[in-house]
C-alpha atoms as a PDB file:
ATOM      1  CA  SER A   1      18.202  15.946  -3.283  1.00  0.00           C
ATOM      2  CA  LEU A   2      19.075  12.133  -2.979  1.00  0.00           C
ATOM      3  CA  VAL A   3      21.454  10.390  -0.690  1.00  0.00           C
ATOM      4  CA  ASN A   4      24.562   9.814  -2.895  1.00  0.00           C
ATOM      5  CA  ASN A   5      24.946   6.331  -1.739  1.00  0.00           C
ATOM      6  CA  THR A   6      22.737   4.591   0.351  1.00  0.00           C
ATOM      7  CA  ASN A   7      25.641   2.601   1.945  1.00  0.00           C
ATOM      8  CA  ASP A   8      26.998   5.776   3.407  1.00  0.00           C
ATOM      9  CA  ASP A   9      27.445   5.825   7.224  1.00  0.00           C
ATOM     10  CA  GLU A  10      25.910   9.482   7.124  1.00  0.00           C
ATOM     11  CA  THR A  11      22.305   7.818   6.064  1.00  0.00           C
ATOM     12  CA  ILE A  12      20.042   7.001   8.430  1.00  0.00           C
ATOM     13  CA  PHE A  13      17.338   4.450   7.446  1.00  0.00           C
ATOM     14  CA  LEU A  14      14.459   5.171   9.315  1.00  0.00           C
ATOM     15  CA  ILE A  15      11.753   2.662   8.686  1.00  0.00           C
ATOM     16  CA  VAL A  16       8.373   4.075   9.225  1.00  0.00           C
ATOM     17  CA  ASP A  17       4.721   3.008   9.176  1.00  0.00           C
ATOM     18  CA  VAL A  18       1.424   4.536   9.597  1.00  0.00           C
ATOM     19  CA  GLU A  19      -2.243   3.078  10.485  1.00  0.00           C
ATOM     20  CA  THR A  20      -4.987   5.296   8.908  1.00  0.00           C
ATOM     21  CA  THR A  21      -9.025   5.548   9.423  1.00  0.00           C
ATOM     22  CA  GLY A  22      -8.904   4.767   5.442  1.00  0.00           C
ATOM     23  CA  LEU A  23      -7.053   4.645   2.148  1.00  0.00           C
ATOM     24  CA  ASN A  24      -8.342   8.428   0.560  1.00  0.00           C
ATOM     25  CA  THR A  25      -5.791  10.609   1.718  1.00  0.00           C
ATOM     26  CA  ARG A  26      -8.084  13.603   1.789  1.00  0.00           C
ATOM     27  CA  THR A  27     -10.605  12.424   4.028  1.00  0.00           C
ATOM     28  CA  SER A  28      -8.723   9.588   6.038  1.00  0.00           C
ATOM     29  CA  HIS A  29      -6.712  10.473   9.467  1.00  0.00           C
ATOM     30  CA  ILE A  30      -3.648   8.875  10.640  1.00  0.00           C
ATOM     31  CA  ILE A  31      -4.242   7.065  13.932  1.00  0.00           C
ATOM     32  CA  GLN A  32      -0.946   5.441  14.666  1.00  0.00           C
ATOM     33  CA  LEU A  33       2.991   6.657  13.703  1.00  0.00           C
ATOM     34  CA  ALA A  34       5.666   4.113  14.355  1.00  0.00           C
ATOM     35  CA  ALA A  35       9.270   4.534  13.310  1.00  0.00           C
ATOM     36  CA  LYS A  36      12.514   2.769  13.897  1.00  0.00           C
ATOM     37  CA  VAL A  37      16.316   3.414  13.173  1.00  0.00           C
ATOM     38  CA  MET A  38      17.392   0.313  11.105  1.00  0.00           C
ATOM     39  CA  GLY A  39      19.813  -1.991  13.113  1.00  0.00           C
ATOM     40  CA  SER A  40      18.844  -0.176  16.496  1.00  0.00           C
ATOM     41  CA  SER A  41      17.635  -2.230  19.641  1.00  0.00           C
ATOM     42  CA  TYR A  42      13.761  -1.992  19.956  1.00  0.00           C
ATOM     43  CA  SER A  43      13.308  -0.816  23.512  1.00  0.00           C
ATOM     44  CA  SER A  44      10.747   2.052  24.824  1.00  0.00           C
ATOM     45  CA  ASN A  45      13.987   3.675  26.504  1.00  0.00           C
ATOM     46  CA  THR A  46      15.996   4.470  23.315  1.00  0.00           C
ATOM     47  CA  ASN A  47      15.855   7.387  21.262  1.00  0.00           C
ATOM     48  CA  THR A  48      15.823   5.438  18.288  1.00  0.00           C
ATOM     49  CA  VAL A  49      12.360   4.085  18.323  1.00  0.00           C
ATOM     50  CA  PHE A  50       9.239   5.985  18.145  1.00  0.00           C
ATOM     51  CA  SER A  51       5.540   5.048  18.510  1.00  0.00           C
ATOM     52  CA  GLU A  52       2.651   6.937  19.320  1.00  0.00           C
ATOM     53  CA  TYR A  53      -1.258   6.616  18.607  1.00  0.00           C
ATOM     54  CA  VAL A  54      -3.062   9.473  17.158  1.00  0.00           C
ATOM     55  CA  LEU A  55      -6.511  11.053  18.012  1.00  0.00           C
ATOM     56  CA  PRO A  56      -8.720  11.695  14.867  1.00  0.00           C
ATOM     57  CA  PRO A  57     -10.705  14.806  14.879  1.00  0.00           C
ATOM     58  CA  PRO A  58     -14.189  14.752  16.763  1.00  0.00           C
ATOM     59  CA  ASN A  59     -16.474  14.631  13.625  1.00  0.00           C
ATOM     60  CA  ILE A  60     -14.275  11.566  12.462  1.00  0.00           C
ATOM     61  CA  THR A  61     -14.923   7.856  13.559  1.00  0.00           C
ATOM     62  CA  ILE A  62     -12.866   4.990  12.922  1.00  0.00           C
ATOM     63  CA  PRO A  63     -15.106   2.373  10.579  1.00  0.00           C
ATOM     64  CA  PRO A  64     -15.469  -0.979  12.206  1.00  0.00           C
ATOM     65  CA  PHE A  65     -13.088  -2.820   9.294  1.00  0.00           C
ATOM     66  CA  ILE A  66     -10.193  -0.758  10.227  1.00  0.00           C
ATOM     67  CA  GLU A  67     -10.701  -1.311  13.837  1.00  0.00           C
ATOM     68  CA  ASP A  68     -10.899  -5.224  12.917  1.00  0.00           C
ATOM     69  CA  LEU A  69      -7.875  -5.063  10.766  1.00  0.00           C
ATOM     70  CA  THR A  70      -5.652  -2.964  12.857  1.00  0.00           C
ATOM     71  CA  GLY A  71      -6.992  -3.970  16.187  1.00  0.00           C
ATOM     72  CA  ILE A  72      -6.937  -0.039  17.150  1.00  0.00           C
ATOM     73  CA  THR A  73     -10.539   1.260  18.457  1.00  0.00           C
ATOM     74  CA  GLU A  74     -12.161   4.221  18.643  1.00  0.00           C
ATOM     75  CA  THR A  75     -12.817   4.066  22.573  1.00  0.00           C
ATOM     76  CA  PHE A  76      -8.982   3.072  23.050  1.00  0.00           C
ATOM     77  CA  LEU A  77      -7.776   6.297  21.426  1.00  0.00           C
ATOM     78  CA  ARG A  78     -10.255   8.593  22.828  1.00  0.00           C
ATOM     79  CA  HIS A  79     -10.520   7.065  26.756  1.00  0.00           C
ATOM     80  CA  GLY A  80      -6.850   5.021  26.576  1.00  0.00           C
ATOM     81  CA  GLY A  81      -6.828   1.894  28.561  1.00  0.00           C
ATOM     82  CA  ILE A  82      -5.125  -1.669  27.651  1.00  0.00           C
ATOM     83  CA  ASP A  83      -3.876  -1.280  23.825  1.00  0.00           C
ATOM     84  CA  PRO A  84      -6.456  -3.935  22.154  1.00  0.00           C
ATOM     85  CA  SER A  85      -4.168  -4.346  19.389  1.00  0.00           C
ATOM     86  CA  THR A  86      -1.708  -6.120  21.115  1.00  0.00           C
ATOM     87  CA  GLY A  87      -3.668  -7.098  24.218  1.00  0.00           C
ATOM     88  CA  ASP A  88      -0.476  -6.180  26.661  1.00  0.00           C
ATOM     89  CA  VAL A  89      -2.316  -5.961  30.531  1.00  0.00           C
ATOM     90  CA  SER A  90       1.177  -4.370  31.612  1.00  0.00           C
ATOM     91  CA  ARG A  91       0.676  -1.079  30.420  1.00  0.00           C
ATOM     92  CA  ASN A  92      -2.371   1.204  30.456  1.00  0.00           C
ATOM     93  CA  TYR A  93      -2.231   4.172  27.746  1.00  0.00           C
ATOM     94  CA  PRO A  94      -3.516   7.560  28.484  1.00  0.00           C
ATOM     95  CA  PRO A  95      -5.794   8.682  25.406  1.00  0.00           C
ATOM     96  CA  ALA A  96      -3.851   9.384  22.333  1.00  0.00           C
ATOM     97  CA  SER A  97      -2.968  12.848  21.233  1.00  0.00           C
ATOM     98  CA  ASP A  98      -4.059  14.898  18.299  1.00  0.00           C
ATOM     99  CA  PHE A  99      -1.992  14.901  15.436  1.00  0.00           C
ATOM    100  CA  ARG A 100      -0.295  18.275  16.200  1.00  0.00           C
ATOM    101  CA  ILE A 101       1.266  17.015  19.185  1.00  0.00           C
ATOM    102  CA  VAL A 102       2.254  13.742  17.484  1.00  0.00           C
ATOM    103  CA  TYR A 103       4.229  15.270  14.799  1.00  0.00           C
ATOM    104  CA  GLU A 104       5.807  17.807  17.334  1.00  0.00           C
ATOM    105  CA  HIS A 105       7.294  14.585  19.237  1.00  0.00           C
ATOM    106  CA  PHE A 106       8.028  12.995  15.788  1.00  0.00           C
ATOM    107  CA  CYS A 107      10.044  16.026  14.519  1.00  0.00           C
ATOM    108  CA  LYS A 108      11.969  15.993  17.909  1.00  0.00           C
ATOM    109  CA  PHE A 109      12.814  12.457  17.549  1.00  0.00           C
ATOM    110  CA  CYS A 110      14.419  12.995  13.903  1.00  0.00           C
ATOM    111  CA  GLU A 111      16.195  15.613  15.256  1.00  0.00           C
ATOM    112  CA  ILE A 112      17.603  13.591  18.104  1.00  0.00           C
ATOM    113  CA  ILE A 113      18.894  10.753  15.504  1.00  0.00           C
ATOM    114  CA  ARG A 114      20.364  13.335  13.218  1.00  0.00           C
ATOM    115  CA  ARG A 115      22.685  14.572  15.888  1.00  0.00           C
ATOM    116  CA  GLY A 116      25.240  11.819  15.529  1.00  0.00           C
ATOM    117  CA  SER A 117      27.953  12.124  18.114  1.00  0.00           C
ATOM    118  CA  SER A 118      28.513  15.260  20.464  1.00  0.00           C
ATOM    119  CA  LYS A 119      31.823  17.240  20.165  1.00  0.00           C
ATOM    120  CA  ASN A 120      32.420  19.930  22.972  1.00  0.00           C
ATOM    121  CA  GLY A 121      28.645  20.045  23.769  1.00  0.00           C
ATOM    122  CA  GLU A 122      28.009  20.621  19.793  1.00  0.00           C
ATOM    123  CA  TYR A 123      25.839  18.331  18.076  1.00  0.00           C
ATOM    124  CA  ASN A 124      26.263  17.302  14.403  1.00  0.00           C
ATOM    125  CA  ASN A 125      23.355  17.576  12.531  1.00  0.00           C
ATOM    126  CA  LYS A 126      24.678  16.803   9.033  1.00  0.00           C
ATOM    127  CA  LYS A 127      23.241  13.347   9.157  1.00  0.00           C
ATOM    128  CA  SER A 128      20.656  12.593   6.148  1.00  0.00           C
ATOM    129  CA  ILE A 129      17.395  10.530   6.926  1.00  0.00           C
ATOM    130  CA  CYS A 130      16.138   8.226   4.343  1.00  0.00           C
ATOM    131  CA  LEU A 131      12.654   6.929   4.713  1.00  0.00           C
ATOM    132  CA  VAL A 132      11.703   3.496   3.937  1.00  0.00           C
ATOM    133  CA  ALA A 133       8.556   2.042   4.231  1.00  0.00           C
ATOM    134  CA  HIS A 134       6.281  -0.279   2.394  1.00  0.00           C
ATOM    135  CA  ASN A 135       4.165   1.403  -0.188  1.00  0.00           C
ATOM    136  CA  ALA A 136       5.926   4.608   0.903  1.00  0.00           C
ATOM    137  CA  PRO A 137       3.961   7.004  -1.209  1.00  0.00           C
ATOM    138  CA  PHE A 138       0.737   6.101   0.739  1.00  0.00           C
ATOM    139  CA  ASP A 139       2.483   7.057   4.103  1.00  0.00           C
ATOM    140  CA  ILE A 140       3.894  10.173   2.868  1.00  0.00           C
ATOM    141  CA  ARG A 141       0.563  11.001   1.475  1.00  0.00           C
ATOM    142  CA  MET A 142      -0.797  10.821   4.569  1.00  0.00           C
ATOM    143  CA  LEU A 143       1.898  12.576   6.583  1.00  0.00           C
ATOM    144  CA  ASN A 144       1.720  15.640   4.031  1.00  0.00           C
ATOM    145  CA  GLN A 145      -1.670  15.794   3.892  1.00  0.00           C
ATOM    146  CA  GLU A 146      -1.751  15.783   8.072  1.00  0.00           C
ATOM    147  CA  VAL A 147       1.004  18.322   7.886  1.00  0.00           C
ATOM    148  CA  LYS A 148      -0.886  20.446   5.540  1.00  0.00           C
ATOM    149  CA  ARG A 149      -3.894  20.518   7.900  1.00  0.00           C
ATOM    150  CA  LEU A 150      -1.431  21.998  10.517  1.00  0.00           C
ATOM    151  CA  THR A 151      -1.094  25.130   8.775  1.00  0.00           C
ATOM    152  CA  SER A 152      -4.274  26.840  10.419  1.00  0.00           C
ATOM    153  CA  ALA A 153      -2.575  25.559  13.751  1.00  0.00           C
ATOM    154  CA  VAL A 154       0.697  27.161  14.010  1.00  0.00           C
ATOM    155  CA  PRO A 155       0.377  29.427  16.715  1.00  0.00           C
ATOM    156  CA  LEU A 156      -0.612  26.394  18.807  1.00  0.00           C
ATOM    157  CA  LEU A 157       2.803  24.696  18.621  1.00  0.00           C
ATOM    158  CA  SER A 158       4.296  24.671  22.067  1.00  0.00           C
ATOM    159  CA  SER A 159       7.842  25.714  22.946  1.00  0.00           C
ATOM    160  CA  SER A 160       7.990  22.872  25.547  1.00  0.00           C
ATOM    161  CA  SER A 161       7.411  19.915  22.954  1.00  0.00           C
ATOM    162  CA  VAL A 162       9.291  21.760  19.965  1.00  0.00           C
ATOM    163  CA  SER A 163      12.885  22.502  18.994  1.00  0.00           C
ATOM    164  CA  ALA A 164      13.399  26.309  18.764  1.00  0.00           C
ATOM    165  CA  ARG A 165      14.732  25.790  15.432  1.00  0.00           C
ATOM    166  CA  MET A 166      11.584  24.267  14.147  1.00  0.00           C
ATOM    167  CA  LEU A 167       9.503  27.061  15.692  1.00  0.00           C
ATOM    168  CA  ALA A 168      11.447  29.913  13.994  1.00  0.00           C
ATOM    169  CA  ASN A 169      10.944  27.547  10.588  1.00  0.00           C
ATOM    170  CA  HIS A 170       7.293  27.532  11.344  1.00  0.00           C
ATOM    171  CA  ALA A 171       7.320  31.618  12.509  1.00  0.00           C
ATOM    172  CA  LYS A 172       8.604  32.017   8.584  1.00  0.00           C
ATOM    173  CA  ASN A 173       6.835  29.126   6.552  1.00  0.00           C
ATOM    174  CA  PRO A 174       4.015  26.528   7.073  1.00  0.00           C
ATOM    175  CA  PRO A 175       5.044  22.984   8.353  1.00  0.00           C
ATOM    176  CA  MET A 176       6.586  21.167   5.985  1.00  0.00           C
ATOM    177  CA  LEU A 177       7.689  17.205   6.357  1.00  0.00           C
ATOM    178  CA  SER A 178      11.010  17.346   4.847  1.00  0.00           C
ATOM    179  CA  ARG A 179      12.120  20.547   6.448  1.00  0.00           C
ATOM    180  CA  ASP A 180      10.845  19.552  10.131  1.00  0.00           C
ATOM    181  CA  THR A 181      12.207  15.944  10.170  1.00  0.00           C
ATOM    182  CA  GLY A 182      15.432  15.862   7.881  1.00  0.00           C
ATOM    183  CA  ILE A 183      14.071  13.156   5.463  1.00  0.00           C
ATOM    184  CA  ILE A 184      15.592  13.901   2.124  1.00  0.00           C
ATOM    185  CA  THR A 185      14.695  10.848   0.342  1.00  0.00           C
ATOM    186  CA  THR A 186      12.305   7.692   0.180  1.00  0.00           C
ATOM    187  CA  VAL A 187      12.574   4.394  -0.476  1.00  0.00           C
ATOM    188  CA  ASP A 188       9.504   2.206  -1.331  1.00  0.00           C
ATOM    189  CA  THR A 189      10.135  -1.366  -0.351  1.00  0.00           C
ATOM    190  CA  LEU A 190       7.167  -2.264  -2.068  1.00  0.00           C
ATOM    191  CA  ARG A 191       8.761  -1.384  -5.584  1.00  0.00           C
ATOM    192  CA  LEU A 192      12.274  -2.625  -4.030  1.00  0.00           C
ATOM    193  CA  PHE A 193      11.042  -6.352  -3.405  1.00  0.00           C
ATOM    194  CA  LYS A 194       9.673  -6.400  -6.929  1.00  0.00           C
ATOM    195  CA  SER A 195      13.145  -5.999  -8.408  1.00  0.00           C
ATOM    196  CA  LYS A 196      14.022  -9.056  -9.882  1.00  0.00           C
ATOM    197  CA  LYS A 197      17.515  -8.359  -8.906  1.00  0.00           C
ATOM    198  CA  LEU A 198      16.759  -9.731  -5.525  1.00  0.00           C
ATOM    199  CA  TRP A 199      14.740 -13.158  -6.472  1.00  0.00           C
ATOM    200  CA  SER A 200      16.062 -16.258  -8.568  1.00  0.00           C
ATOM    201  CA  SER A 201      14.399 -17.001 -11.830  1.00  0.00           C
ATOM    202  CA  SER A 202      14.522 -20.493 -11.218  1.00  0.00           C
ATOM    203  CA  SER A 203      12.207 -22.559  -9.661  1.00  0.00           C
ATOM    204  CA  SER A 204      14.604 -24.790  -7.918  1.00  0.00           C
ATOM    205  CA  TYR A 205      15.212 -22.487  -5.426  1.00  0.00           C
ATOM    206  CA  SER A 206      12.019 -23.139  -3.453  1.00  0.00           C
ATOM    207  CA  LEU A 207      10.989 -22.134   0.031  1.00  0.00           C
ATOM    208  CA  GLY A 208      12.902 -23.526   3.036  1.00  0.00           C
ATOM    209  CA  ARG A 209      16.253 -24.032   1.078  1.00  0.00           C
ATOM    210  CA  SER A 210      19.093 -23.357   3.058  1.00  0.00           C
ATOM    211  CA  PRO A 211      20.508 -19.623   3.040  1.00  0.00           C
ATOM    212  CA  ASP A 212      24.158 -20.723   2.874  1.00  0.00           C
ATOM    213  CA  GLU A 213      26.323 -20.471  -0.069  1.00  0.00           C
ATOM    214  CA  ASP A 214      26.127 -22.568  -3.074  1.00  0.00           C
ATOM    215  CA  GLU A 215      29.413 -24.275  -4.469  1.00  0.00           C
ATOM    216  CA  ASN A 216      30.155 -21.282  -6.481  1.00  0.00           C
ATOM    217  CA  ASN A 217      30.598 -19.100  -3.229  1.00  0.00           C
ATOM    218  CA  LYS A 218      27.049 -17.111  -4.384  1.00  0.00           C
ATOM    219  CA  PRO A 219      24.249 -16.613  -1.953  1.00  0.00           C
ATOM    220  CA  LEU A 220      21.193 -18.837  -2.665  1.00  0.00           C
ATOM    221  CA  LEU A 221      18.363 -16.701  -3.731  1.00  0.00           C
ATOM    222  CA  LEU A 222      14.554 -17.256  -3.091  1.00  0.00           C
ATOM    223  CA  ARG A 223      11.883 -17.797  -5.969  1.00  0.00           C
ATOM    224  CA  ARG A 224      10.291 -14.596  -6.781  1.00  0.00           C
ATOM    225  CA  PRO A 225       6.765 -14.179  -4.920  1.00  0.00           C
ATOM    226  CA  THR A 226       3.535 -13.764  -6.701  1.00  0.00           C
ATOM    227  CA  SER A 227       2.439 -11.141  -4.121  1.00  0.00           C
ATOM    228  CA  PHE A 228       4.453  -8.743  -2.620  1.00  0.00           C
ATOM    229  CA  GLY A 229       2.452  -7.307   0.325  1.00  0.00           C
ATOM    230  CA  LEU A 230       4.079  -6.903   3.589  1.00  0.00           C
ATOM    231  CA  GLN A 231       2.429 -10.062   5.388  1.00  0.00           C
ATOM    232  CA  ASN A 232       3.203 -12.221   1.929  1.00  0.00           C
ATOM    233  CA  LEU A 233       6.721 -11.373   1.756  1.00  0.00           C
ATOM    234  CA  TYR A 234       7.149 -12.164   5.458  1.00  0.00           C
ATOM    235  CA  LYS A 235       5.478 -15.386   4.983  1.00  0.00           C
ATOM    236  CA  HIS A 236       7.589 -16.139   1.679  1.00  0.00           C
ATOM    237  CA  VAL A 237      10.486 -15.423   3.475  1.00  0.00           C
ATOM    238  CA  PHE A 238      10.296 -16.684   6.871  1.00  0.00           C
ATOM    239  CA  ASP A 239       7.745 -19.604   6.245  1.00  0.00           C
ATOM    240  CA  LYS A 240       5.504 -18.328   9.021  1.00  0.00           C
ATOM    241  CA  PRO A 241       3.001 -15.204   9.568  1.00  0.00           C
ATOM    242  CA  MET A 242       4.036 -12.073  10.563  1.00  0.00           C
ATOM    243  CA  GLU A 243       2.695 -11.322  14.101  1.00  0.00           C
ATOM    244  CA  GLY A 244       0.640  -8.196  15.064  1.00  0.00           C
ATOM    245  CA  ALA A 245      -0.022  -7.366  11.113  1.00  0.00           C
ATOM    246  CA  HIS A 246      -1.511  -4.040  10.315  1.00  0.00           C
ATOM    247  CA  ASN A 247      -0.224  -2.707  13.813  1.00  0.00           C
ATOM    248  CA  ALA A 248       2.225   0.037  12.768  1.00  0.00           C
ATOM    249  CA  ASN A 249       4.989  -1.467  15.298  1.00  0.00           C
ATOM    250  CA  SER A 250       4.770  -4.508  14.086  1.00  0.00           C
ATOM    251  CA  ASP A 251       5.032  -3.628  10.444  1.00  0.00           C
ATOM    252  CA  VAL A 252       7.898  -1.856  11.370  1.00  0.00           C
ATOM    253  CA  LEU A 253       9.534  -4.621  12.874  1.00  0.00           C
ATOM    254  CA  GLY A 254       8.531  -7.210  10.321  1.00  0.00           C
ATOM    255  CA  LEU A 255       9.868  -5.106   7.367  1.00  0.00           C
ATOM    256  CA  GLU A 256      13.451  -4.518   9.189  1.00  0.00           C
ATOM    257  CA  GLN A 257      13.550  -8.252   9.715  1.00  0.00           C
ATOM    258  CA  LEU A 258      12.999  -8.935   6.051  1.00  0.00           C
ATOM    259  CA  LEU A 259      15.851  -6.328   5.030  1.00  0.00           C
ATOM    260  CA  ASN A 260      18.130  -8.169   7.418  1.00  0.00           C
ATOM    261  CA  SER A 261      17.196 -11.393   6.554  1.00  0.00           C
ATOM    262  CA  VAL A 262      20.156 -13.582   5.078  1.00  0.00           C
ATOM    263  CA  TYR A 263      18.472 -13.079   1.628  1.00  0.00           C
ATOM    264  CA  PHE A 264      18.292  -9.177   1.222  1.00  0.00           C
ATOM    265  CA  ARG A 265      20.854  -7.638   3.994  1.00  0.00           C
ATOM    266  CA  ASP A 266      23.915  -7.509   1.668  1.00  0.00           C
ATOM    267  CA  CYS A 267      21.991  -6.357  -1.810  1.00  0.00           C
ATOM    268  CA  TRP A 268      18.639  -4.343  -0.946  1.00  0.00           C
ATOM    269  CA  ARG A 269      20.780  -1.043  -0.394  1.00  0.00           C
ATOM    270  CA  ASP A 270      22.122  -1.486  -3.845  1.00  0.00           C
ATOM    271  CA  VAL A 271      18.638  -1.498  -5.329  1.00  0.00           C
ATOM    272  CA  ALA A 272      17.425   1.274  -2.572  1.00  0.00           C
ATOM    273  CA  ASN A 273      20.166   3.400  -4.301  1.00  0.00           C
ATOM    274  CA  ASP A 274      18.609   2.791  -7.767  1.00  0.00           C
ATOM    275  CA  ILE A 275      14.808   3.288  -6.937  1.00  0.00           C
ATOM    276  CA  GLN A 276      15.228   6.330  -3.900  1.00  0.00           C
ATOM    277  CA  VAL A 277      13.575   9.305  -4.948  1.00  0.00           C
ATOM    278  CA  PRO A 278      13.235  12.908  -3.298  1.00  0.00           C
ATOM    279  CA  LEU A 279      10.323  13.267  -0.801  1.00  0.00           C
ATOM    280  CA  PHE A 280       8.327  15.160  -3.408  1.00  0.00           C
ATOM    281  CA  SER A 281       9.227  13.771  -6.557  1.00  0.00           C
ATOM    282  CA  PRO A 282       7.272  10.735  -8.648  1.00  0.00           C
ATOM    283  CA  PRO A 283       8.909   7.231  -8.532  1.00  0.00           C
ATOM    284  CA  SER A 284      10.588   6.161 -11.777  1.00  0.00           C
ATOM    285  CA  PRO A 285      10.134   2.784 -13.206  1.00  0.00           C
ATOM    286  CA  ILE A 286      11.741  -0.012 -12.132  1.00  0.00           C
ATOM    287  CA  ASP A 287      12.894  -3.417 -13.561  1.00  0.00           C
END
């Protein structure tokens, strides 16, 4: 099903990004999963931010070009230590957990953000999650592939780290991303930013122009870029490189900053409402 209106307060926009060992969803594995409730504060002490590294199977090695691209090394994932992708010496990471454990944590995270306000100790689980990602089909295919691999490992799910509801579901059915997380619809921001509705068709609106309103009280628009990769969009809009690109945490924050920029914050949801798709449906054409 679709969210009736992406401006609805009952809709949670969850920005998600994964880093992987490659681009082939059948043979590649997730090595980092990050998510953030749009508009929430970024802090390790909040329940609206999720970030975990994922241990690939023993027979899977991380190609050198992936290590160079993401800064995530196989040594770091298997043995822990200082995160080489950030160089932050203030935190010493333990070895990464395998996807089974990370998925349990992610499902619990989604359950928490869906609760909303508590009344008489009872939580409202009616909020729907809209997954927002740049090139969302890839992230979804990777997540679904990893979840499919869990089918044979369902009995290993531990009650200490996953809700009783999720365990009950798995007792009857194999893991399923939409059911386990409450994500019912997705928005691909790669498609969203390609929409001509978000950009000026005039070359007079060049980068660096003030984002104030013009004399007709219409917001100024940026010229449409020629490339819609996340790093290029960020450079195009903010006129500076995106720090930490290709780390899932940084990509999530960079995408949120783009959507919240003065150019898009009042209009991106309207486009999202038109292009959102159910979790398992193919996308429709975009203008």
